[in-house]
Structures are given as C-alpha cells and as structure tokens.
Amino acid sequence: MPDLIEKKNAGIPAQRAESAAEPKPEKARSLGLDAWHDLRRRPIFIVSSLLILLLIAIAIAPGLFTSVDPRAGDLRNHYLSPPNYGHLFQADWFGYDGQGRSIYARVLYGARASVVVGICVTAGVTVLGGLTGMIAGYFGGWVDTLVSRITDIFFGIPLLLGALVILNAFTSRTVWSVVFALIALGWTQMTRVMRGSVITVKQADYVTAAKALGAGTFRILFKHILPNAIAPVIVVATIALGGYIATEATLSFLGIGLQDPTISWGIDINSAQKVIRTAPFALFFPAGMLSLTVLAFIMLGDAVRDALDPKLR
C-alpha cells in the first residue's frame, strides 16, 4: 500500500506540469478588435492612412511645410514662370498663378478648407442620419413611416443641385455655410443604412433578453443596438467623406461654394482653367491634390468595409 501511495503522489507533479504546459485557449476578440487585426495587415489601409495623416498634418499646420504667404502676390511672377524643381519645398516649386501667388503654398493651405468641410459634414450626417435611422428602425410603425417619407423627400433632391440652391441664399459663403448645406441634404443615406441595420439587430436574442430584464429604451438603443449596428454606417461615412470633399471643390469651382479670401482647391482650379493651354501646371497641382485626397478616403473606406464585413473575407 505505501508503494502504491508513493507512485500516485509521484505522478501528480508530472500531470500538473503537463496541464500547465498546455496552451491556454485564445480569448475571442470583439468585432472591433478583429477588424483592427485584419486592417493592420492590409497594404491599402496602411497607404491610405499614411496619406490621410499627412493631409491632416498639412491642414492643421501648413506653416510647417512652407513659410510663404499663400495670399501674397508678386506680378513679376506669373503663369509663364514654370515650376522650379531645383528648390524643393520653396515658393516656386509648383510655379505661380496669374496674380503671382505661390501655387505650392496655396495647395498646402487649400487642404484646410477641404478637410474641415469633409470631416464636419461627415460627422454631421452620421450623427443626424444615425439617430433618425435608429429611431425609425427600432420603433417601427408610424414613426418608421414618417421618417421614411421625410427621408424620401430629401433623398429625391440631388446633392449638388440642392446645395446650389441653399448656398445662393447666403450673402457670404464660408466653410460653415457649405457644411450646413451639405448636412441638410446628405443625411438621408446614413438614415437608410442605419435603419436597415437596426431592423436586423433588434431581432437578436440579446436585445430580447435585455427587454425581458426590464432595460429601458435608452439603454437598449445605445448599449445593445448601436454598437452592433454602427459598422455599416462607419463604412459608408468613410467613403462618403471623400465625396463631400469633392463636392465642396465642385461648388467652389462653380463659384457657388467658398469665396475669396478663403483658399480652396476648387477656386484655384477655376482660375487655372483659363490658361490650361499655356500653363497646365497651374491646374495640375490643385486638381492632383484633390484627386489624391479623394482617392485616399475611398481606399480607406474599401479597406474598412472588407474588414468589417465577414462575407468579404
């Protein structure tokens, strides 16, 4: 008997060592962490994020990239003064416009208006459209019908044409008037996306369990439904941000958006179209910067969509 007890006791440490050596099961990641883990391995996400971070840095502190006043003109410099690539990041690197102003400085300072308009409009339509869509999708009935009909009315107004009409009512058109016009007409898409997502999520078991436990409407909406229904809205908002930047440039190009002394890529493109044959560089640089910015946000939106949608993996 003592021999048997000793053998059993001798085997206990070995068994404990074997169990300690077994790898612990990996903890399940949330949807956000899983999407972030997938995004970090996508080159398109890395490239677009670096471009957007550089653009934001330029918009916040353009003085770090140039010391030239973008509004200071010298008529001795004109469209016939081509870019001078021998002096990098200087006033003459991109050449000069018709009033002798540095195109390089104006391209940098023009990023501020575009970024502010894009971010503010995207935030506004996401909040307004997200709230209306969440209310319509959760409550249903006459609330859903009312919100849907109002959404259809606004959705039938073309964004560019409606913004032209609204901005014509302003005597002085600034960044904030453009932001107001685009938010007033752009929230409908977010409402439809959020409404469809909420209708799907509210049928889940955890929502039913929360109702059974007596959770209030506010807690159910913002604790259980919103975190699980926001993914499609994030994707649409990321892609739409580039579209709003392009819309602001289009309005400024048509003379209905931003006005001098505000610096905008659309204003510079409008001025440069008159001399496109003699000085194409005056059009190329602001238009190229605008295209690169819109492309970066579209690339970022595509990467986020692929990461958040399990069907695309």
Protein backbone atom coordinates (compact mmCIF):
# COMPACT_ATOMS: atom_id res chain seq x y z
CA MET A 1 0.00 0.00 0.00
CA PRO A 2 2.73 2.61 0.81
CA ASP A 3 4.31 1.81 -2.54
CA LEU A 4 1.04 2.47 -4.34
CA ILE A 5 0.54 5.80 -2.49
CA GLU A 6 4.07 6.92 -3.34
CA LYS A 7 3.55 6.06 -7.02
CA LYS A 8 0.29 8.05 -7.11
CA ASN A 9 1.90 11.06 -5.42
CA ALA A 10 4.85 10.87 -7.74
CA GLY A 11 2.56 11.10 -10.75
CA ILE A 12 0.73 14.21 -9.56
CA PRO A 13 3.51 16.76 -10.29
CA ALA A 14 4.01 15.31 -13.76
CA GLN A 15 0.33 15.63 -14.50
CA ARG A 16 0.33 19.21 -13.23
CA ALA A 17 3.34 20.01 -15.38
CA GLU A 18 1.61 18.55 -18.43
CA SER A 19 -1.55 20.55 -17.78
CA ALA A 20 0.49 23.72 -17.19
CA ALA A 21 2.29 23.19 -20.49
CA GLU A 22 -0.97 23.01 -22.41
CA PRO A 23 -1.63 26.28 -24.30
CA LYS A 24 -4.50 28.33 -23.00
CA PRO A 25 -7.36 28.86 -25.43
CA GLU A 26 -7.17 32.24 -27.18
CA LYS A 27 -9.76 34.74 -25.96
CA ALA A 28 -12.39 35.64 -28.52
CA ARG A 29 -11.86 39.07 -30.00
CA SER A 30 -14.63 41.60 -30.38
CA LEU A 31 -15.74 42.81 -33.80
CA GLY A 32 -13.69 46.00 -33.46
CA LEU A 33 -10.50 44.21 -32.38
CA ASP A 34 -10.95 41.58 -35.05
CA ALA A 35 -11.39 44.27 -37.72
CA TRP A 36 -8.32 46.17 -36.45
CA HIS A 37 -6.26 42.96 -36.50
CA ASP A 38 -7.30 42.44 -40.13
CA LEU A 39 -6.75 46.08 -41.15
CA ARG A 40 -3.16 46.17 -39.93
CA ARG A 41 -2.24 43.52 -42.47
CA ARG A 42 -3.78 45.31 -45.47
CA PRO A 43 -1.34 47.42 -47.53
CA ILE A 44 -4.22 49.52 -48.90
CA PHE A 45 -5.16 50.53 -45.35
CA ILE A 46 -1.60 51.42 -44.41
CA VAL A 47 -1.01 53.52 -47.56
CA SER A 48 -4.33 55.36 -47.33
CA SER A 49 -3.90 56.00 -43.60
CA LEU A 50 -0.44 57.50 -44.11
CA LEU A 51 -1.76 59.76 -46.86
CA ILE A 52 -4.67 60.91 -44.70
CA LEU A 53 -2.42 61.55 -41.69
CA LEU A 54 -0.11 63.62 -43.90
CA LEU A 55 -3.10 65.55 -45.25
CA ILE A 56 -4.41 66.25 -41.74
CA ALA A 57 -0.96 67.44 -40.65
CA ILE A 58 -0.83 69.80 -43.63
CA ALA A 59 -4.33 71.10 -42.85
CA ILE A 60 -3.56 71.69 -39.16
CA ALA A 61 -0.11 73.26 -39.58
CA PRO A 62 0.65 74.24 -43.18
CA GLY A 63 3.30 76.60 -41.85
CA LEU A 64 5.47 73.57 -41.08
CA PHE A 65 5.71 72.82 -44.80
CA THR A 66 6.13 76.33 -46.19
CA SER A 67 6.86 79.82 -44.91
CA VAL A 68 5.31 81.54 -47.93
CA ASP A 69 2.12 83.58 -47.59
CA PRO A 70 -0.40 81.97 -49.99
CA ARG A 71 -2.23 85.28 -50.45
CA ALA A 72 0.87 87.37 -51.17
CA GLY A 73 1.15 88.07 -54.90
CA ASP A 74 4.02 89.46 -56.93
CA LEU A 75 3.11 90.32 -60.52
CA ARG A 76 6.71 89.76 -61.56
CA ASN A 77 5.85 86.08 -61.14
CA HIS A 78 3.11 84.88 -63.46
CA TYR A 79 1.82 81.82 -65.25
CA LEU A 80 4.78 81.89 -67.60
CA SER A 81 7.06 81.19 -64.64
CA PRO A 82 7.10 77.37 -64.66
CA PRO A 83 7.83 75.18 -61.64
CA ASN A 84 11.43 75.23 -60.47
CA TYR A 85 12.32 71.79 -59.19
CA GLY A 86 15.81 72.85 -58.22
CA HIS A 87 14.44 74.36 -55.00
CA LEU A 88 12.33 71.73 -53.26
CA PHE A 89 9.52 72.87 -50.97
CA GLN A 90 10.07 76.51 -51.89
CA ALA A 91 7.63 79.08 -53.26
CA ASP A 92 8.49 78.36 -56.91
CA TRP A 93 8.39 74.58 -56.68
CA PHE A 94 4.92 74.41 -58.28
CA GLY A 95 5.20 77.73 -60.11
CA TYR A 96 2.97 80.80 -59.72
CA ASP A 97 -0.62 81.66 -60.62
CA GLY A 98 -1.89 84.66 -62.56
CA GLN A 99 -1.52 87.00 -59.59
CA GLY A 100 2.00 85.89 -58.78
CA ARG A 101 0.96 83.76 -55.79
CA SER A 102 2.81 80.55 -54.96
CA ILE A 103 0.82 77.54 -56.17
CA TYR A 104 2.73 75.32 -53.75
CA ALA A 105 1.64 77.42 -50.77
CA ARG A 106 -1.94 77.64 -51.99
CA VAL A 107 -2.14 73.87 -52.49
CA LEU A 108 -0.99 73.33 -48.90
CA TYR A 109 -3.27 75.93 -47.35
CA GLY A 110 -6.19 74.77 -49.51
CA ALA A 111 -6.17 71.44 -47.70
CA ARG A 112 -7.52 73.08 -44.55
CA ALA A 113 -10.88 74.09 -46.02
CA SER A 114 -11.36 70.73 -47.73
CA VAL A 115 -10.51 68.69 -44.63
CA VAL A 116 -12.70 70.83 -42.35
CA VAL A 117 -15.65 70.57 -44.73
CA GLY A 118 -15.21 66.84 -45.23
CA ILE A 119 -14.86 65.94 -41.55
CA CYS A 120 -17.59 68.29 -40.29
CA VAL A 121 -20.11 67.21 -42.93
CA THR A 122 -19.36 63.53 -42.36
CA ALA A 123 -19.73 63.93 -38.58
CA GLY A 124 -22.96 65.90 -39.00
CA VAL A 125 -24.66 63.49 -41.41
CA THR A 126 -23.51 60.48 -39.37
CA VAL A 127 -25.00 61.84 -36.14
CA LEU A 128 -28.21 63.16 -37.71
CA GLY A 129 -28.75 60.24 -40.05
CA GLY A 130 -27.69 57.69 -37.44
CA LEU A 131 -30.15 58.97 -34.83
CA THR A 132 -33.10 59.22 -37.22
CA GLY A 133 -32.37 55.82 -38.74
CA MET A 134 -32.01 54.20 -35.31
CA ILE A 135 -35.30 55.66 -34.10
CA ALA A 136 -37.15 54.64 -37.28
CA GLY A 137 -35.73 51.13 -37.31
CA TYR A 138 -36.28 50.41 -33.62
CA PHE A 139 -39.78 51.79 -33.07
CA GLY A 140 -41.23 50.94 -36.49
CA GLY A 141 -44.91 51.63 -37.13
CA TRP A 142 -45.96 55.20 -37.79
CA VAL A 143 -42.58 56.51 -36.61
CA ASP A 144 -40.81 54.49 -39.28
CA THR A 145 -43.35 55.56 -41.90
CA LEU A 146 -42.99 59.25 -41.05
CA VAL A 147 -39.18 59.19 -41.02
CA SER A 148 -39.08 57.16 -44.24
CA ARG A 149 -41.34 59.56 -46.11
CA ILE A 150 -39.34 62.60 -44.98
CA THR A 151 -36.16 60.79 -45.98
CA ASP A 152 -37.61 60.04 -49.42
CA ILE A 153 -38.42 63.72 -49.95
CA PHE A 154 -34.88 64.85 -49.16
CA PHE A 155 -33.36 61.87 -50.98
CA GLY A 156 -35.07 62.99 -54.17
CA ILE A 157 -33.17 66.30 -54.16
CA PRO A 158 -29.80 65.99 -55.94
CA LEU A 159 -27.00 66.89 -53.55
CA LEU A 160 -25.15 69.25 -55.87
CA LEU A 161 -28.27 70.98 -57.21
CA GLY A 162 -29.79 71.35 -53.74
CA ALA A 163 -26.55 72.76 -52.36
CA LEU A 164 -26.50 75.33 -55.17
CA VAL A 165 -30.00 76.49 -54.22
CA ILE A 166 -29.26 76.65 -50.48
CA LEU A 167 -25.91 78.45 -50.88
CA ASN A 168 -27.48 81.08 -53.14
CA ALA A 169 -29.47 82.19 -50.11
CA PHE A 170 -26.26 83.15 -48.28
CA THR A 171 -24.79 86.58 -48.96
CA SER A 172 -21.38 85.48 -47.65
CA ARG A 173 -20.43 81.87 -48.29
CA THR A 174 -17.93 80.48 -45.80
CA VAL A 175 -16.81 77.00 -44.77
CA TRP A 176 -19.70 76.73 -42.30
CA SER A 177 -22.36 77.68 -44.83
CA VAL A 178 -21.08 74.93 -47.14
CA VAL A 179 -21.08 72.49 -44.22
CA PHE A 180 -24.68 73.41 -43.36
CA ALA A 181 -25.87 72.96 -46.96
CA LEU A 182 -24.26 69.54 -47.34
CA ILE A 183 -25.50 68.27 -43.96
CA ALA A 184 -29.05 69.45 -44.74
CA LEU A 185 -29.11 67.25 -47.85
CA GLY A 186 -26.65 64.44 -47.12
CA TRP A 187 -28.14 62.80 -44.01
CA THR A 188 -30.64 60.64 -45.92
CA GLN A 189 -28.14 57.98 -46.97
CA MET A 190 -26.97 57.44 -43.40
CA THR A 191 -30.60 57.20 -42.25
CA ARG A 192 -31.36 54.41 -44.70
CA VAL A 193 -28.21 52.48 -43.84
CA MET A 194 -28.75 52.76 -40.07
CA ARG A 195 -32.44 51.92 -40.33
CA GLY A 196 -31.77 48.68 -42.20
CA SER A 197 -29.00 47.70 -39.80
CA VAL A 198 -31.14 48.39 -36.71
CA ILE A 199 -34.06 46.38 -38.09
CA THR A 200 -31.72 43.38 -38.37
CA VAL A 201 -30.05 43.86 -34.97
CA LYS A 202 -33.21 44.45 -32.91
CA GLN A 203 -34.35 40.90 -33.64
CA ALA A 204 -31.27 39.40 -31.94
CA ASP A 205 -31.60 37.34 -28.77
CA TYR A 206 -29.57 39.71 -26.60
CA VAL A 207 -31.99 42.54 -27.40
CA THR A 208 -34.93 40.34 -26.46
CA ALA A 209 -33.17 39.35 -23.25
CA ALA A 210 -32.49 42.99 -22.37
CA LYS A 211 -36.17 43.80 -22.82
CA ALA A 212 -37.16 40.84 -20.67
CA LEU A 213 -34.82 42.01 -17.90
CA GLY A 214 -36.54 45.40 -17.89
CA ALA A 215 -33.87 47.50 -19.59
CA GLY A 216 -35.06 50.93 -20.68
CA THR A 217 -35.36 52.08 -24.27
CA PHE A 218 -32.39 54.44 -24.00
CA ARG A 219 -30.15 51.69 -22.61
CA ILE A 220 -31.23 49.19 -25.26
CA LEU A 221 -30.62 51.65 -28.08
CA PHE A 222 -27.20 52.89 -27.01
CA LYS A 223 -25.87 49.87 -25.11
CA HIS A 224 -27.03 46.94 -27.24
CA ILE A 225 -28.25 48.11 -30.65
CA LEU A 226 -25.93 50.98 -31.57
CA PRO A 227 -22.59 49.16 -31.03
CA ASN A 228 -23.79 46.24 -33.15
CA ALA A 229 -25.47 48.30 -35.91
CA ILE A 230 -22.85 51.03 -36.42
CA ALA A 231 -20.43 49.04 -38.64
CA PRO A 232 -22.21 49.67 -42.00
CA VAL A 233 -22.55 53.37 -41.12
CA ILE A 234 -18.81 53.66 -40.44
CA VAL A 235 -18.04 52.17 -43.85
CA VAL A 236 -20.43 54.47 -45.70
CA ALA A 237 -19.21 57.53 -43.77
CA THR A 238 -15.56 56.81 -44.54
CA ILE A 239 -16.20 56.51 -48.27
CA ALA A 240 -18.60 59.48 -48.29
CA LEU A 241 -16.00 61.77 -46.69
CA GLY A 242 -14.00 61.86 -49.90
CA GLY A 243 -17.18 62.56 -51.84
CA TYR A 244 -18.00 65.57 -49.67
CA ILE A 245 -14.51 66.98 -50.26
CA ALA A 246 -15.05 66.61 -54.00
CA THR A 247 -18.49 68.24 -53.70
CA GLU A 248 -17.02 71.24 -51.88
CA ALA A 249 -14.39 71.64 -54.60
CA THR A 250 -17.08 71.39 -57.28
CA LEU A 251 -19.21 74.07 -55.61
CA SER A 252 -16.18 76.36 -55.27
CA PHE A 253 -15.25 75.70 -58.89
CA LEU A 254 -18.73 76.77 -59.99
CA GLY A 255 -18.44 79.95 -57.92
CA ILE A 256 -21.22 78.95 -55.51
CA GLY A 257 -19.10 77.44 -52.74
CA LEU A 258 -16.22 79.07 -50.90
CA GLN A 259 -15.15 82.57 -51.88
CA ASP A 260 -12.02 84.65 -51.57
CA PRO A 261 -10.16 85.22 -49.31
CA THR A 262 -10.75 81.57 -48.36
CA ILE A 263 -8.23 79.33 -50.09
CA SER A 264 -9.75 76.31 -51.82
CA TRP A 265 -8.62 73.83 -54.44
CA GLY A 266 -11.87 74.41 -56.33
CA ILE A 267 -11.23 78.17 -56.53
CA ASP A 268 -7.71 77.61 -57.84
CA ILE A 269 -8.91 75.06 -60.41
CA ASN A 270 -11.48 77.58 -61.63
CA SER A 271 -8.80 80.25 -62.02
CA ALA A 272 -6.39 77.89 -63.77
CA GLN A 273 -8.83 76.62 -66.39
CA LYS A 274 -8.44 79.88 -68.33
CA VAL A 275 -4.76 79.20 -69.01
CA ILE A 276 -4.82 75.42 -69.29
CA ARG A 277 -3.01 75.54 -72.66
CA THR A 278 -0.24 77.95 -71.71
CA ALA A 279 0.25 76.93 -68.07
CA PRO A 280 -1.21 73.45 -67.44
CA PHE A 281 0.79 73.09 -64.21
CA ALA A 282 -1.46 75.71 -62.57
CA LEU A 283 -4.38 73.28 -62.99
CA PHE A 284 -2.48 70.06 -62.47
CA PHE A 285 -1.27 70.60 -58.89
CA PRO A 286 -4.54 71.59 -57.13
CA ALA A 287 -6.51 69.06 -59.18
CA GLY A 288 -3.93 66.36 -58.44
CA MET A 289 -4.02 67.09 -54.72
CA LEU A 290 -7.82 66.93 -54.75
CA SER A 291 -7.84 63.61 -56.62
CA LEU A 292 -5.23 62.13 -54.28
CA THR A 293 -7.24 63.16 -51.22
CA VAL A 294 -10.50 61.70 -52.51
CA LEU A 295 -8.71 58.51 -53.57
CA ALA A 296 -7.13 58.11 -50.11
CA PHE A 297 -10.50 58.24 -48.35
CA ILE A 298 -12.09 55.86 -50.86
CA MET A 299 -9.23 53.40 -50.37
CA LEU A 300 -9.62 53.68 -46.60
CA GLY A 301 -13.36 53.08 -46.87
CA ASP A 302 -12.84 49.98 -49.02
CA ALA A 303 -10.34 48.57 -46.51
CA VAL A 304 -12.70 49.23 -43.58
CA ARG A 305 -15.59 47.65 -45.47
CA ASP A 306 -13.61 44.49 -46.20
CA ALA A 307 -12.52 44.25 -42.56
CA LEU A 308 -15.98 44.76 -41.04
CA ASP A 309 -17.89 42.54 -43.47
CA PRO A 310 -17.28 38.82 -42.71
CA LYS A 311 -18.68 37.83 -46.13
CA LEU A 312 -15.80 39.60 -47.91
CA ARG A 313 -13.02 37.83 -46.00
